[in-house]
């Protein structure tokens, strides 16, 4: 039987490490989230429409007093509709009719008083007196009908001019002079004293976006100079389809995104007050 030979091997330094020791791996630095967006007024945006007539139609715009980008004050007339001259003519007619009815009522009241006195003294049959009273009641009814029509025409006259309910700026005009407004109304007015940005963050990146996070923005196409600064104000709970399209023709128009609202610092907001709708590239500072 051959003798058993025992051999030994020399272990390298890696093998001498304690089993309890673990290798420490440095984490990779977080990269900033970048996304496209657009500038918007932080206040309300009103879409102003034309009045609807009793037949379901809308009048045409006769005069348009503003252009896109114009600053407007609450109560300012922005447009005049082509039904205004007819309403003014109808108002003049109903007012003249009311004056005539008032005179007729005054004369009829005097006549009724005479017939009442005569009927009390037996000089006039009661049926004649009652007939005169009925005539007075009918005139008073006509007066009430005319007042109701007058009130309606005055409301129509107010609607024949389009006035802004807020201070702001004209964001977009949908209907020009001579055109009949469609479903988009006549124009849009935004309260632009402060501005914000609506940023579309890819759903795969939204987990790195937090409330209050610092954000910097530049113009995608050079529409303004410098860098805008702001903070995350709101993060939408819904995933939606992308709306802000990149100028890159290879961009994914069907990408799924989450809308993130970023409030601009006052100094940054003042720089872009008249740039509603301008596209920006936003970078969210890693937290």
Protein backbone atom coordinates (compact mmCIF):
# COMPACT_ATOMS: atom_id res chain seq x y z
CA UNK A 1 0.00 0.00 0.00
CA UNK A 2 1.42 3.34 -1.04
CA UNK A 3 2.08 5.85 1.72
CA UNK A 4 -0.40 8.83 2.00
CA UNK A 5 1.19 12.12 1.09
CA UNK A 6 -0.19 15.30 2.71
CA UNK A 7 0.33 18.52 0.82
CA UNK A 8 -0.12 22.02 2.10
CA UNK A 9 -1.06 25.15 0.13
CA UNK A 10 -0.20 28.76 0.80
CA UNK A 11 -3.23 31.08 1.03
CA UNK A 12 -3.03 34.59 -0.36
CA UNK A 13 -3.68 37.73 1.65
CA UNK A 14 -7.33 37.91 0.49
CA UNK A 15 -8.01 34.56 2.11
CA UNK A 16 -6.64 35.73 5.44
CA UNK A 17 -9.36 38.36 5.88
CA UNK A 18 -11.74 37.69 8.69
CA UNK A 19 -15.04 36.25 7.66
CA UNK A 20 -16.70 39.00 9.67
CA UNK A 21 -15.13 41.73 7.59
CA UNK A 22 -17.27 43.19 4.73
CA UNK A 23 -16.09 45.26 1.84
CA UNK A 24 -17.38 48.88 1.98
CA UNK A 25 -18.68 50.12 -1.38
CA UNK A 26 -18.94 53.87 -1.86
CA UNK A 27 -22.46 54.85 -3.11
CA UNK A 28 -22.68 56.49 -6.50
CA UNK A 29 -23.40 60.23 -6.34
CA UNK A 30 -27.01 61.19 -7.10
CA UNK A 31 -27.54 62.92 -10.42
CA UNK A 32 -29.94 65.80 -10.88
CA UNK A 33 -33.33 65.07 -12.42
CA UNK A 34 -33.80 67.03 -15.65
CA UNK A 35 -37.15 67.58 -17.32
CA UNK A 36 -39.01 69.84 -19.72
CA UNK A 37 -41.76 72.22 -18.71
CA UNK A 38 -43.43 75.54 -19.44
CA UNK A 39 -44.01 78.83 -17.64
CA UNK A 40 -47.51 79.68 -16.40
CA UNK A 41 -49.17 82.32 -14.22
CA UNK A 42 -49.30 81.20 -10.61
CA UNK A 43 -52.70 82.86 -10.25
CA UNK A 44 -55.99 81.97 -11.90
CA UNK A 45 -56.50 81.79 -15.65
CA UNK A 46 -59.91 82.79 -17.01
CA UNK A 47 -61.26 81.74 -20.40
CA UNK A 48 -63.76 84.42 -21.41
CA UNK A 49 -66.63 83.45 -23.67
CA UNK A 50 -69.30 85.26 -25.65
CA UNK A 51 -72.90 85.46 -24.39
CA UNK A 52 -75.34 82.85 -25.65
CA UNK A 53 -78.54 84.14 -27.26
CA UNK A 54 -81.98 82.73 -26.67
CA UNK A 55 -81.61 80.66 -29.83
CA UNK A 56 -78.38 79.04 -28.63
CA UNK A 57 -76.10 81.05 -30.92
CA UNK A 58 -73.37 83.56 -30.09
CA UNK A 59 -72.77 87.02 -31.56
CA UNK A 60 -69.71 87.84 -33.61
CA UNK A 61 -66.82 89.91 -32.27
CA UNK A 62 -67.23 93.40 -33.75
CA UNK A 63 -64.28 95.11 -32.04
CA UNK A 64 -61.25 93.56 -30.33
CA UNK A 65 -59.48 96.06 -28.10
CA UNK A 66 -56.47 93.99 -26.98
CA UNK A 67 -53.65 91.85 -28.29
CA UNK A 68 -51.85 88.88 -26.79
CA UNK A 69 -49.46 90.03 -24.08
CA UNK A 70 -51.40 93.20 -23.19
CA UNK A 71 -51.80 93.96 -19.51
CA UNK A 72 -55.43 94.50 -18.49
CA UNK A 73 -57.23 95.80 -15.40
CA UNK A 74 -60.35 94.38 -13.81
CA UNK A 75 -63.47 95.73 -15.54
CA UNK A 76 -61.62 96.77 -18.71
CA UNK A 77 -63.53 96.22 -21.97
CA UNK A 78 -61.65 93.70 -24.09
CA UNK A 79 -64.12 93.14 -26.93
CA UNK A 80 -67.47 94.36 -28.24
CA UNK A 81 -69.99 92.06 -29.94
CA UNK A 82 -72.02 92.85 -33.05
CA UNK A 83 -75.38 92.56 -31.26
CA UNK A 84 -74.76 95.72 -29.23
CA UNK A 85 -76.28 98.24 -31.74
CA UNK A 86 -79.53 96.22 -31.92
CA UNK A 87 -79.73 95.97 -28.13
CA UNK A 88 -79.24 99.74 -27.83
CA UNK A 89 -82.04 100.29 -30.35
CA UNK A 90 -84.35 97.88 -28.48
CA UNK A 91 -83.56 99.65 -25.21
CA UNK A 92 -84.43 103.02 -26.69
CA UNK A 93 -87.75 101.59 -27.92
CA UNK A 94 -88.73 99.99 -24.61
CA UNK A 95 -87.84 103.13 -22.67
CA UNK A 96 -90.01 105.22 -24.97
CA UNK A 97 -92.83 102.71 -24.54
CA UNK A 98 -92.47 102.88 -20.76
CA UNK A 99 -92.73 106.67 -20.83
CA UNK A 100 -95.93 106.41 -22.86
CA UNK A 101 -97.42 103.80 -20.52
CA UNK A 102 -96.58 105.93 -17.48
CA UNK A 103 -98.48 108.85 -19.01
CA UNK A 104 -101.43 106.59 -19.88
CA UNK A 105 -101.52 105.22 -16.34
CA UNK A 106 -101.46 108.71 -14.84
CA UNK A 107 -104.40 109.79 -17.06
CA UNK A 108 -106.27 106.54 -16.38
CA UNK A 109 -105.82 106.96 -12.60
CA UNK A 110 -107.42 110.40 -12.83
CA UNK A 111 -110.24 109.02 -14.94
CA UNK A 112 -110.85 106.17 -12.47
CA UNK A 113 -110.97 108.67 -9.60
CA UNK A 114 -113.65 110.71 -11.39
CA UNK A 115 -115.74 107.63 -12.18
CA UNK A 116 -115.40 106.43 -8.61
CA UNK A 117 -116.70 109.73 -7.25
CA UNK A 118 -119.51 109.73 -9.79
CA UNK A 119 -120.43 106.13 -8.95
CA UNK A 120 -120.55 106.98 -5.24
CA UNK A 121 -122.98 109.82 -6.00
CA UNK A 122 -125.08 107.58 -8.24
CA UNK A 123 -124.26 109.44 -11.44
CA UNK A 124 -122.33 106.55 -13.06
CA UNK A 125 -123.30 102.87 -13.14
CA UNK A 126 -120.99 100.70 -11.05
CA UNK A 127 -120.25 98.48 -14.05
CA UNK A 128 -118.75 101.45 -15.92
CA UNK A 129 -116.53 102.32 -12.95
CA UNK A 130 -115.32 98.70 -12.70
CA UNK A 131 -114.57 98.70 -16.44
CA UNK A 132 -112.32 101.74 -15.99
CA UNK A 133 -110.56 100.00 -13.10
CA UNK A 134 -109.91 96.97 -15.32
CA UNK A 135 -108.35 99.24 -17.95
CA UNK A 136 -106.04 100.70 -15.30
CA UNK A 137 -105.02 97.21 -14.14
CA UNK A 138 -104.17 96.20 -17.71
CA UNK A 139 -102.01 99.28 -18.16
CA UNK A 140 -100.18 98.50 -14.93
CA UNK A 141 -99.60 94.96 -16.21
CA UNK A 142 -98.11 96.32 -19.43
CA UNK A 143 -95.82 98.51 -17.34
CA UNK A 144 -94.56 95.48 -15.40
CA UNK A 145 -93.98 93.54 -18.62
CA UNK A 146 -92.05 96.46 -20.08
CA UNK A 147 -89.93 96.75 -16.92
CA UNK A 148 -89.09 93.04 -17.15
CA UNK A 149 -88.09 93.44 -20.80
CA UNK A 150 -86.04 96.50 -19.90
CA UNK A 151 -84.18 94.53 -17.23
CA UNK A 152 -83.43 91.74 -19.71
CA UNK A 153 -82.17 94.18 -22.34
CA UNK A 154 -79.94 95.91 -19.80
CA UNK A 155 -78.41 92.53 -18.95
CA UNK A 156 -77.93 91.81 -22.66
CA UNK A 157 -76.28 95.21 -23.07
CA UNK A 158 -73.80 94.41 -20.31
CA UNK A 159 -73.04 91.07 -22.00
CA UNK A 160 -72.50 92.75 -25.36
CA UNK A 161 -69.12 93.90 -24.06
CA UNK A 162 -66.48 91.44 -22.86
CA UNK A 163 -64.79 92.71 -19.69
CA UNK A 164 -62.02 91.09 -17.72
CA UNK A 165 -62.97 89.96 -14.20
CA UNK A 166 -59.34 90.09 -12.99
CA UNK A 167 -56.14 92.08 -13.34
CA UNK A 168 -53.67 90.24 -15.52
CA UNK A 169 -52.40 89.75 -19.03
CA UNK A 170 -54.03 88.49 -22.24
CA UNK A 171 -52.54 85.04 -22.69
CA UNK A 172 -54.24 83.91 -25.87
CA UNK A 173 -56.82 85.19 -28.34
CA UNK A 174 -59.10 82.57 -29.87
CA UNK A 175 -61.48 84.84 -31.82
CA UNK A 176 -60.65 87.86 -33.96
CA UNK A 177 -62.88 90.72 -35.08
CA UNK A 178 -65.53 89.48 -37.49
CA UNK A 179 -65.40 85.92 -36.20
CA UNK A 180 -67.97 84.02 -34.18
CA UNK A 181 -66.51 82.50 -30.97
CA UNK A 182 -66.23 78.73 -30.78
CA UNK A 183 -65.92 76.32 -27.87
CA UNK A 184 -62.64 77.95 -26.76
CA UNK A 185 -64.33 81.29 -26.15
CA UNK A 186 -62.90 84.66 -27.14
CA UNK A 187 -59.66 84.87 -25.18
CA UNK A 188 -57.79 83.86 -22.03
CA UNK A 189 -56.65 86.19 -19.26
CA UNK A 190 -54.16 85.12 -16.60
CA UNK A 191 -53.33 86.73 -13.28
CA UNK A 192 -49.59 86.94 -13.89
CA UNK A 193 -48.34 88.90 -10.88
CA UNK A 194 -46.45 85.77 -9.89
CA UNK A 195 -45.28 83.01 -12.18
CA UNK A 196 -44.69 79.30 -11.79
CA UNK A 197 -43.49 76.44 -13.96
CA UNK A 198 -45.28 73.22 -14.82
CA UNK A 199 -42.58 70.58 -15.22
CA UNK A 200 -43.25 67.16 -16.74
CA UNK A 201 -41.05 64.65 -14.91
CA UNK A 202 -40.71 61.13 -16.30
CA UNK A 203 -42.47 58.61 -14.08
CA UNK A 204 -39.16 56.77 -13.66
CA UNK A 205 -37.58 59.90 -12.11
CA UNK A 206 -40.40 61.21 -9.95
CA UNK A 207 -39.24 59.23 -6.90
CA UNK A 208 -36.27 61.63 -6.75
CA UNK A 209 -38.48 64.74 -6.66
CA UNK A 210 -39.58 66.02 -3.26
CA UNK A 211 -41.75 68.83 -1.95
CA UNK A 212 -39.68 71.97 -1.32
CA UNK A 213 -36.79 70.74 -3.47
CA UNK A 214 -34.69 73.44 -5.15
CA UNK A 215 -35.08 73.75 -8.92
CA UNK A 216 -33.18 75.76 -11.53
CA UNK A 217 -34.53 76.47 -15.01
CA UNK A 218 -33.17 77.78 -18.28
CA UNK A 219 -34.94 78.57 -21.53
CA UNK A 220 -34.91 75.68 -23.99
CA UNK A 221 -34.77 78.05 -26.97
CA UNK A 222 -33.07 81.14 -25.53
CA UNK A 223 -36.29 83.05 -24.82
CA UNK A 224 -34.77 84.60 -21.69
CA UNK A 225 -31.28 84.93 -20.33
CA UNK A 226 -29.94 83.60 -17.09
CA UNK A 227 -31.24 81.00 -14.68
CA UNK A 228 -34.61 80.93 -12.95
CA UNK A 229 -34.82 79.57 -9.43
CA UNK A 230 -37.72 78.03 -7.57
CA UNK A 231 -38.95 75.24 -5.34
CA UNK A 232 -41.28 72.30 -5.79
CA UNK A 233 -44.75 73.41 -4.74
CA UNK A 234 -46.98 70.49 -5.77
CA UNK A 235 -46.54 67.00 -7.21
CA UNK A 236 -49.51 65.57 -9.08
CA UNK A 237 -50.75 62.19 -7.87
CA UNK A 238 -51.55 61.14 -11.45
CA UNK A 239 -49.39 59.81 -14.24
CA UNK A 240 -50.30 61.39 -17.56
CA UNK A 241 -49.21 61.55 -21.17
CA UNK A 242 -46.62 64.14 -22.06
CA UNK A 243 -47.87 67.54 -23.29
CA UNK A 244 -44.74 69.69 -23.45
CA UNK A 245 -42.93 68.43 -26.53
CA UNK A 246 -39.21 68.83 -27.00
CA UNK A 247 -37.67 70.34 -30.10
CA UNK A 248 -35.77 67.06 -30.38
CA UNK A 249 -37.54 65.11 -33.18
CA UNK A 250 -36.45 61.85 -31.56
CA UNK A 251 -38.20 62.69 -28.29
CA UNK A 252 -40.80 60.28 -26.97
CA UNK A 253 -44.14 62.07 -27.37
CA UNK A 254 -46.00 59.18 -25.75
CA UNK A 255 -43.89 59.15 -22.59
CA UNK A 256 -45.68 58.92 -19.25
CA UNK A 257 -44.98 61.81 -16.91
CA UNK A 258 -45.98 63.34 -13.57
CA UNK A 259 -46.77 67.06 -13.45
CA UNK A 260 -44.70 69.00 -10.90
CA UNK A 261 -45.55 72.60 -10.05
CA UNK A 262 -42.55 74.81 -9.24
CA UNK A 263 -43.06 78.23 -7.64
CA UNK A 264 -40.55 80.79 -8.87
CA UNK A 265 -38.59 83.08 -6.59
CA UNK A 266 -39.86 86.71 -6.76
CA UNK A 267 -36.78 87.90 -8.67
CA UNK A 268 -37.10 85.06 -11.18
CA UNK A 269 -40.85 85.57 -11.52
CA UNK A 270 -40.35 89.25 -12.38
CA UNK A 271 -38.07 88.28 -15.28
CA UNK A 272 -40.67 86.15 -17.07
CA UNK A 273 -43.99 87.85 -16.31
CA UNK A 274 -44.80 88.19 -20.02
CA UNK A 275 -43.47 84.80 -21.11
CA UNK A 276 -46.41 82.54 -20.33
CA UNK A 277 -46.14 79.27 -22.22
CA UNK A 278 -42.39 79.47 -22.83
CA UNK A 279 -40.62 76.13 -22.58
CA UNK A 280 -37.93 75.61 -19.97
CA UNK A 281 -35.45 72.92 -19.02
CA UNK A 282 -35.60 72.25 -15.29
CA UNK A 283 -33.04 70.57 -13.06
CA UNK A 284 -34.03 69.35 -9.62
CA UNK A 285 -31.18 69.64 -7.12
CA UNK A 286 -30.46 66.23 -5.52
CA UNK A 287 -31.56 66.10 -1.89
